[in-house]
C-alpha atoms as a PDB file:
ATOM      1  CA  MET A   1      19.676 -97.744-246.996  1.00  0.00           C
ATOM      2  CA  ILE A   2      22.998 -97.209-246.354  1.00  0.00           C
ATOM      3  CA  ASN A   3      25.120 -93.341-246.534  1.00  0.00           C
ATOM      4  CA  ALA A   4      28.199 -92.089-248.887  1.00  0.00           C
ATOM      5  CA  MET A   5      30.921 -93.300-246.734  1.00  0.00           C
ATOM      6  CA  GLU A   6      29.163 -97.492-245.881  1.00  0.00           C
ATOM      7  CA  LEU A   7      28.602 -96.720-250.149  1.00  0.00           C
ATOM      8  CA  TYR A   8      32.032 -95.942-250.857  1.00  0.00           C
ATOM      9  CA  GLN A   9      33.665 -98.919-248.884  1.00  0.00           C
ATOM     10  CA  ALA A  10      31.440-101.235-250.136  1.00  0.00           C
ATOM     11  CA  LEU A  11      32.431-100.497-253.674  1.00  0.00           C
ATOM     12  CA  ASP A  12      36.093-100.019-252.619  1.00  0.00           C
ATOM     13  CA  LEU A  13      35.907-104.414-251.294  1.00  0.00           C
ATOM     14  CA  LEU A  14      34.501-105.334-254.597  1.00  0.00           C
ATOM     15  CA  ASP A  15      37.753-104.401-256.326  1.00  0.00           C
ATOM     16  CA  LEU A  16      35.801-102.840-259.050  1.00  0.00           C
ATOM     17  CA  LEU A  17      38.706-100.980-260.026  1.00  0.00           C
ATOM     18  CA  ALA A  18      41.032-103.928-261.118  1.00  0.00           C
ATOM     19  CA  LYS A  19      43.166-103.499-264.259  1.00  0.00           C
ATOM     20  CA  LYS A  20      42.093 -99.914-264.929  1.00  0.00           C
ATOM     21  CA  PRO A  21      44.391 -97.078-264.582  1.00  0.00           C
ATOM     22  CA  PRO A  22      45.106 -95.857-261.394  1.00  0.00           C
ATOM     23  CA  MET A  23      43.115 -92.845-260.877  1.00  0.00           C
ATOM     24  CA  TRP A  24      40.243 -95.055-263.318  1.00  0.00           C
ATOM     25  CA  TRP A  25      39.698 -92.221-266.135  1.00  0.00           C
ATOM     26  CA  PRO A  26      42.599 -92.983-268.642  1.00  0.00           C
ATOM     27  CA  ALA A  27      44.904 -89.872-269.023  1.00  0.00           C
ATOM     28  CA  TYR A  28      44.142 -88.630-265.610  1.00  0.00           C
ATOM     29  CA  GLY A  29      45.909 -85.124-265.385  1.00  0.00           C
ATOM     30  CA  THR A  30      46.055 -84.331-269.311  1.00  0.00           C
ATOM     31  CA  PHE A  31      44.693 -81.553-271.595  1.00  0.00           C
ATOM     32  CA  GLU A  32      43.320 -85.864-273.544  1.00  0.00           C
ATOM     33  CA  VAL A  33      40.505 -85.300-270.248  1.00  0.00           C
ATOM     34  CA  VAL A  34      38.876 -81.994-271.088  1.00  0.00           C
ATOM     35  CA  VAL A  35      38.339 -83.316-274.832  1.00  0.00           C
ATOM     36  CA  GLY A  36      36.683 -86.202-273.154  1.00  0.00           C
ATOM     37  CA  ALA A  37      35.175 -85.021-271.388  1.00  0.00           C
ATOM     38  CA  VAL A  38      33.413 -82.885-273.773  1.00  0.00           C
ATOM     39  CA  LEU A  39      33.429 -85.569-276.032  1.00  0.00           C
ATOM     40  CA  THR A  40      31.458 -88.751-273.846  1.00  0.00           C
ATOM     41  CA  GLN A  41      28.494 -86.291-273.813  1.00  0.00           C
ATOM     42  CA  ASN A  42      24.775 -88.471-274.333  1.00  0.00           C
ATOM     43  CA  SER A  43      27.631 -90.834-276.015  1.00  0.00           C
ATOM     44  CA  GLN A  44      29.563 -94.781-274.598  1.00  0.00           C
ATOM     45  CA  TRP A  45      33.443 -94.410-273.405  1.00  0.00           C
ATOM     46  CA  THR A  46      33.532 -96.875-276.814  1.00  0.00           C
ATOM     47  CA  ARG A  47      32.829 -94.153-278.965  1.00  0.00           C
ATOM     48  CA  VAL A  48      34.670 -91.842-277.743  1.00  0.00           C
ATOM     49  CA  GLU A  49      37.811 -93.476-277.280  1.00  0.00           C
ATOM     50  CA  GLN A  50      37.896 -94.104-281.578  1.00  0.00           C
ATOM     51  CA  SER A  51      37.602 -90.178-281.478  1.00  0.00           C
ATOM     52  CA  LEU A  52      40.667 -89.605-279.297  1.00  0.00           C
ATOM     53  CA  GLU A  53      42.629 -92.050-281.212  1.00  0.00           C
ATOM     54  CA  ASN A  54      42.012 -90.175-284.596  1.00  0.00           C
ATOM     55  CA  LEU A  55      42.694 -86.851-282.383  1.00  0.00           C
ATOM     56  CA  ARG A  56      45.253 -88.423-281.242  1.00  0.00           C
ATOM     57  CA  ALA A  57      46.755 -89.640-284.571  1.00  0.00           C
ATOM     58  CA  SER A  58      46.248 -86.049-285.688  1.00  0.00           C
ATOM     59  CA  ASP A  59      48.204 -84.509-282.941  1.00  0.00           C
ATOM     60  CA  MET A  60      45.032 -83.032-282.388  1.00  0.00           C
ATOM     61  CA  LEU A  61      44.804 -82.971-277.560  1.00  0.00           C
ATOM     62  CA  MET A  62      46.531 -79.774-277.420  1.00  0.00           C
ATOM     63  CA  PRO A  63      44.307 -76.271-276.838  1.00  0.00           C
ATOM     64  CA  GLY A  64      45.797 -74.882-279.758  1.00  0.00           C
ATOM     65  CA  ALA A  65      45.491 -77.127-281.862  1.00  0.00           C
ATOM     66  CA  LEU A  66      41.932 -77.610-281.886  1.00  0.00           C
ATOM     67  CA  ALA A  67      41.680 -73.311-281.402  1.00  0.00           C
ATOM     68  CA  GLU A  68      42.950 -73.400-284.968  1.00  0.00           C
ATOM     69  CA  ALA A  69      41.489 -76.727-286.057  1.00  0.00           C
ATOM     70  CA  GLU A  70      39.218 -76.533-289.487  1.00  0.00           C
ATOM     71  CA  SER A  71      35.982 -77.178-287.574  1.00  0.00           C
ATOM     72  CA  GLY A  72      35.511 -79.637-291.596  1.00  0.00           C
ATOM     73  CA  GLU A  73      38.308 -82.082-290.524  1.00  0.00           C
ATOM     74  CA  LEU A  74      37.716 -81.513-286.271  1.00  0.00           C
ATOM     75  CA  MET A  75      34.134 -82.995-287.281  1.00  0.00           C
ATOM     76  CA  GLU A  76      35.446 -85.880-289.384  1.00  0.00           C
ATOM     77  CA  MET A  77      37.682 -86.998-286.030  1.00  0.00           C
ATOM     78  CA  ILE A  78      35.421 -86.987-284.170  1.00  0.00           C
ATOM     79  CA  ARG A  79      31.956 -88.023-285.200  1.00  0.00           C
ATOM     80  CA  PRO A  80      32.895 -91.758-283.839  1.00  0.00           C
ATOM     81  CA  SER A  81      31.308 -89.884-280.275  1.00  0.00           C
ATOM     82  CA  GLY A  82      28.083 -88.283-281.831  1.00  0.00           C
ATOM     83  CA  LEU A  83      27.017 -85.181-281.905  1.00  0.00           C
ATOM     84  CA  PHE A  84      30.135 -84.095-283.867  1.00  0.00           C
ATOM     85  CA  LYS A  85      28.881 -80.581-285.127  1.00  0.00           C
ATOM     86  CA  ASN A  86      28.400 -79.248-281.555  1.00  0.00           C
ATOM     87  CA  LYS A  87      31.185 -80.487-279.706  1.00  0.00           C
ATOM     88  CA  SER A  88      33.298 -79.396-282.879  1.00  0.00           C
ATOM     89  CA  LYS A  89      31.920 -76.097-281.582  1.00  0.00           C
ATOM     90  CA  VAL A  90      32.252 -76.680-278.008  1.00  0.00           C
ATOM     91  CA  LEU A  91      36.341 -78.031-278.213  1.00  0.00           C
ATOM     92  CA  LYS A  92      37.234 -75.065-279.797  1.00  0.00           C
ATOM     93  CA  LEU A  93      35.531 -72.682-277.826  1.00  0.00           C
ATOM     94  CA  LEU A  94      36.581 -74.253-275.268  1.00  0.00           C
ATOM     95  CA  SER A  95      40.210 -74.698-275.669  1.00  0.00           C
ATOM     96  CA  ALA A  96      40.336 -71.146-277.644  1.00  0.00           C
ATOM     97  CA  HIS A  97      39.546 -69.152-273.720  1.00  0.00           C
ATOM     98  CA  LEU A  98      41.036 -71.834-272.200  1.00  0.00           C
ATOM     99  CA  LEU A  99      44.454 -69.873-274.177  1.00  0.00           C
ATOM    100  CA  GLU A 100      42.963 -66.526-273.971  1.00  0.00           C
ATOM    101  CA  ASP A 101      42.759 -66.853-270.633  1.00  0.00           C
ATOM    102  CA  TYR A 102      44.757 -69.353-268.450  1.00  0.00           C
ATOM    103  CA  GLY A 103      47.696 -68.999-271.356  1.00  0.00           C
ATOM    104  CA  SER A 104      48.264 -72.893-271.223  1.00  0.00           C
ATOM    105  CA  PHE A 105      46.949 -76.341-269.986  1.00  0.00           C
ATOM    106  CA  ASP A 106      49.142 -76.903-267.288  1.00  0.00           C
ATOM    107  CA  ALA A 107      47.810 -73.088-265.265  1.00  0.00           C
ATOM    108  CA  PHE A 108      44.152 -73.330-266.411  1.00  0.00           C
ATOM    109  CA  LYS A 109      44.369 -77.033-264.393  1.00  0.00           C
ATOM    110  CA  SER A 110      46.429 -74.910-261.146  1.00  0.00           C
ATOM    111  CA  ASP A 111      43.658 -71.798-261.418  1.00  0.00           C
ATOM    112  CA  VAL A 112      40.451 -72.203-263.389  1.00  0.00           C
ATOM    113  CA  SER A 113      36.927 -72.145-261.648  1.00  0.00           C
ATOM    114  CA  ARG A 114      34.082 -74.450-261.643  1.00  0.00           C
ATOM    115  CA  GLU A 115      32.900 -71.227-262.725  1.00  0.00           C
ATOM    116  CA  TRP A 116      34.861 -70.216-265.392  1.00  0.00           C
ATOM    117  CA  LEU A 117      33.364 -74.111-266.865  1.00  0.00           C
ATOM    118  CA  LEU A 118      29.969 -73.599-266.773  1.00  0.00           C
ATOM    119  CA  ALA A 119      30.325 -70.534-268.441  1.00  0.00           C
ATOM    120  CA  GLN A 120      31.770 -72.139-270.821  1.00  0.00           C
ATOM    121  CA  LYS A 121      29.061 -72.990-273.646  1.00  0.00           C
ATOM    122  CA  GLY A 122      28.215 -76.668-273.769  1.00  0.00           C
ATOM    123  CA  ILE A 123      29.321 -77.221-270.371  1.00  0.00           C
ATOM    124  CA  GLY A 124      27.142 -78.526-267.216  1.00  0.00           C
ATOM    125  CA  PRO A 125      27.833 -79.261-263.998  1.00  0.00           C
ATOM    126  CA  GLU A 126      29.042 -83.400-264.818  1.00  0.00           C
ATOM    127  CA  THR A 127      31.110 -82.297-267.411  1.00  0.00           C
ATOM    128  CA  ALA A 128      33.157 -78.979-265.270  1.00  0.00           C
ATOM    129  CA  ASP A 129      33.291 -81.550-262.854  1.00  0.00           C
ATOM    130  CA  SER A 130      34.468 -84.748-264.734  1.00  0.00           C
ATOM    131  CA  ILE A 131      36.894 -82.198-266.362  1.00  0.00           C
ATOM    132  CA  LEU A 132      37.913 -80.906-262.788  1.00  0.00           C
ATOM    133  CA  CYS A 133      38.194 -84.482-260.906  1.00  0.00           C
ATOM    134  CA  TYR A 134      40.425 -85.685-263.601  1.00  0.00           C
ATOM    135  CA  ALA A 135      41.746 -82.728-265.800  1.00  0.00           C
ATOM    136  CA  CYS A 136      42.401 -80.528-262.940  1.00  0.00           C
ATOM    137  CA  GLU A 137      43.358 -82.964-260.116  1.00  0.00           C
ATOM    138  CA  ARG A 138      41.210 -81.008-257.863  1.00  0.00           C
ATOM    139  CA  ASP A 139      38.586 -82.436-254.813  1.00  0.00           C
ATOM    140  CA  ALA A 140      35.134 -82.643-256.943  1.00  0.00           C
ATOM    141  CA  MET A 141      33.088 -85.555-256.679  1.00  0.00           C
ATOM    142  CA  VAL A 142      31.156 -86.987-260.284  1.00  0.00           C
ATOM    143  CA  VAL A 143      27.926 -87.705-259.887  1.00  0.00           C
ATOM    144  CA  ASP A 144      25.921 -89.217-262.898  1.00  0.00           C
ATOM    145  CA  ALA A 145      23.071 -90.762-264.475  1.00  0.00           C
ATOM    146  CA  TYR A 146      25.585 -94.361-262.563  1.00  0.00           C
ATOM    147  CA  THR A 147      24.822 -92.576-259.544  1.00  0.00           C
ATOM    148  CA  ALA A 148      21.545 -92.139-259.648  1.00  0.00           C
ATOM    149  CA  TRP A 149      19.858 -95.543-261.247  1.00  0.00           C
ATOM    150  CA  LEU A 150      22.590 -96.805-257.752  1.00  0.00           C
ATOM    151  CA  LEU A 151      21.042 -95.052-255.512  1.00  0.00           C
ATOM    152  CA  GLU A 152      18.042 -95.590-256.677  1.00  0.00           C
ATOM    153  CA  ALA A 153      18.435 -99.346-256.419  1.00  0.00           C
ATOM    154  CA  PHE A 154      19.114 -97.712-252.232  1.00  0.00           C
ATOM    155  CA  GLY A 155      15.261 -95.935-251.914  1.00  0.00           C
ATOM    156  CA  TYR A 156      16.906 -92.854-253.236  1.00  0.00           C
ATOM    157  CA  THR A 157      15.751 -90.028-255.257  1.00  0.00           C
ATOM    158  CA  PHE A 158      17.562 -86.594-256.217  1.00  0.00           C
ATOM    159  CA  GLU A 159      15.212 -83.706-257.277  1.00  0.00           C
ATOM    160  CA  THR A 160      18.849 -82.116-259.278  1.00  0.00           C
ATOM    161  CA  TYR A 161      22.325 -82.772-259.949  1.00  0.00           C
ATOM    162  CA  ASP A 162      24.122 -80.858-257.254  1.00  0.00           C
ATOM    163  CA  ASP A 163      21.994 -82.662-254.547  1.00  0.00           C
ATOM    164  CA  LEU A 164      22.556 -86.034-255.063  1.00  0.00           C
ATOM    165  CA  GLN A 165      26.724 -84.133-255.773  1.00  0.00           C
ATOM    166  CA  SER A 166      25.626 -83.514-252.057  1.00  0.00           C
ATOM    167  CA  TRP A 167      25.285 -86.839-250.954  1.00  0.00           C
ATOM    168  CA  CYS A 168      27.883 -87.918-252.258  1.00  0.00           C
ATOM    169  CA  LEU A 169      30.039 -85.914-250.737  1.00  0.00           C
ATOM    170  CA  GLU A 170      28.663 -86.132-246.830  1.00  0.00           C
ATOM    171  CA  GLY A 171      30.900 -87.286-244.713  1.00  0.00           C
ATOM    172  CA  PHE A 172      34.222 -87.839-246.701  1.00  0.00           C
ATOM    173  CA  ALA A 173      35.663 -83.491-245.941  1.00  0.00           C
ATOM    174  CA  ASP A 174      35.631 -85.330-242.288  1.00  0.00           C
ATOM    175  CA  GLN A 175      37.313 -88.376-242.731  1.00  0.00           C
ATOM    176  CA  TYR A 176      39.919 -87.571-245.192  1.00  0.00           C
ATOM    177  CA  SER A 177      42.256 -84.988-245.772  1.00  0.00           C
ATOM    178  CA  GLN A 178      42.537 -81.692-248.792  1.00  0.00           C
ATOM    179  CA  GLU A 179      45.279 -83.900-250.176  1.00  0.00           C
ATOM    180  CA  GLU A 180      43.446 -87.432-250.257  1.00  0.00           C
ATOM    181  CA  LEU A 181      39.781 -86.147-251.469  1.00  0.00           C
ATOM    182  CA  PRO A 182      40.640 -85.686-255.078  1.00  0.00           C
ATOM    183  CA  LYS A 183      41.433 -89.389-255.184  1.00  0.00           C
ATOM    184  CA  ILE A 184      39.165 -90.681-253.143  1.00  0.00           C
ATOM    185  CA  TYR A 185      36.624 -88.582-255.525  1.00  0.00           C
ATOM    186  CA  ALA A 186      38.124 -89.831-258.664  1.00  0.00           C
ATOM    187  CA  LEU A 187      37.769 -93.585-256.760  1.00  0.00           C
ATOM    188  CA  PHE A 188      34.316 -93.241-255.306  1.00  0.00           C
ATOM    189  CA  HIS A 189      33.286 -92.056-259.359  1.00  0.00           C
ATOM    190  CA  GLY A 190      35.125 -94.761-260.947  1.00  0.00           C
ATOM    191  CA  MET A 191      33.088 -97.249-259.156  1.00  0.00           C
ATOM    192  CA  ILE A 192      29.601 -96.519-258.864  1.00  0.00           C
ATOM    193  CA  VAL A 193      30.436 -96.559-262.891  1.00  0.00           C
ATOM    194  CA  GLU A 194      32.276-100.238-262.773  1.00  0.00           C
ATOM    195  CA  TYR A 195      28.786-101.634-260.183  1.00  0.00           C
ATOM    196  CA  VAL A 196      26.264-100.236-261.827  1.00  0.00           C
ATOM    197  CA  LYS A 197      27.815-101.660-265.993  1.00  0.00           C
ATOM    198  CA  ARG A 198      28.750-105.111-264.048  1.00  0.00           C
ATOM    199  CA  TYR A 199      25.095-105.473-261.914  1.00  0.00           C
ATOM    200  CA  LYS A 200      22.144-102.995-263.467  1.00  0.00           C
ATOM    201  CA  THR A 201      20.174-105.572-266.018  1.00  0.00           C
ATOM    202  CA  GLY A 202      17.799-103.401-267.692  1.00  0.00           C
ATOM    203  CA  LYS A 203      16.242-101.214-265.204  1.00  0.00           C
ATOM    204  CA  GLU A 204      16.809-103.484-262.542  1.00  0.00           C
ATOM    205  CA  ILE A 205      19.887-103.659-260.468  1.00  0.00           C
ATOM    206  CA  SER A 206      21.808-106.013-258.111  1.00  0.00           C
ATOM    207  CA  ILE A 207      22.490-104.424-254.881  1.00  0.00           C
ATOM    208  CA  VAL A 208      23.591-107.905-253.202  1.00  0.00           C
ATOM    209  CA  PRO A 209      27.256-107.827-253.865  1.00  0.00           C
ATOM    210  CA  LEU A 210      27.231-104.993-251.636  1.00  0.00           C
ATOM    211  CA  ALA A 211      25.021-106.473-248.712  1.00  0.00           C
ATOM    212  CA  GLU A 212      27.507-109.701-248.810  1.00  0.00           C
END
């Protein structure tokens, strides 16, 4: 068995984030992360990158541009990510509401709450926490299927997203300052994802490297 702090320290020793962006998620701290967090729902990151490149090439990675985008054109640009009809609606509404309630991405970044995000159509806990952690640079711990798979290999199962997240948060606030936590949580999530990608074969995850 292992606790969250031990898991973080063991993962850190494996240098899983070598050659990755400094905070793991590309374009950390920008509106692009908000868009990517929506597009990555039920999609592979390689497909999301194709959609982001399409949007970037058309200067669409801005709240105003997305809010005013023609639906058909937007759907075509994000088609590689799948579920493009629904995701286009989510992006347009989220961008419009962001501007209506905050005026700019900078204000959104500093003032938005998790509750506001969860009240938006198409934004669930994982997407909300991804936006808070990687776009807004907040101390939000993202948990996902990768997290659940890894902890199941250690014998842990959780009924809800909140239960899984609570396990991952335990002890960190006592060990790190409020200023350090955004980086710690961002890298913790990133290391979990990279570990599972590297060591998961079928339904099995090797935990040997963590025990060495």
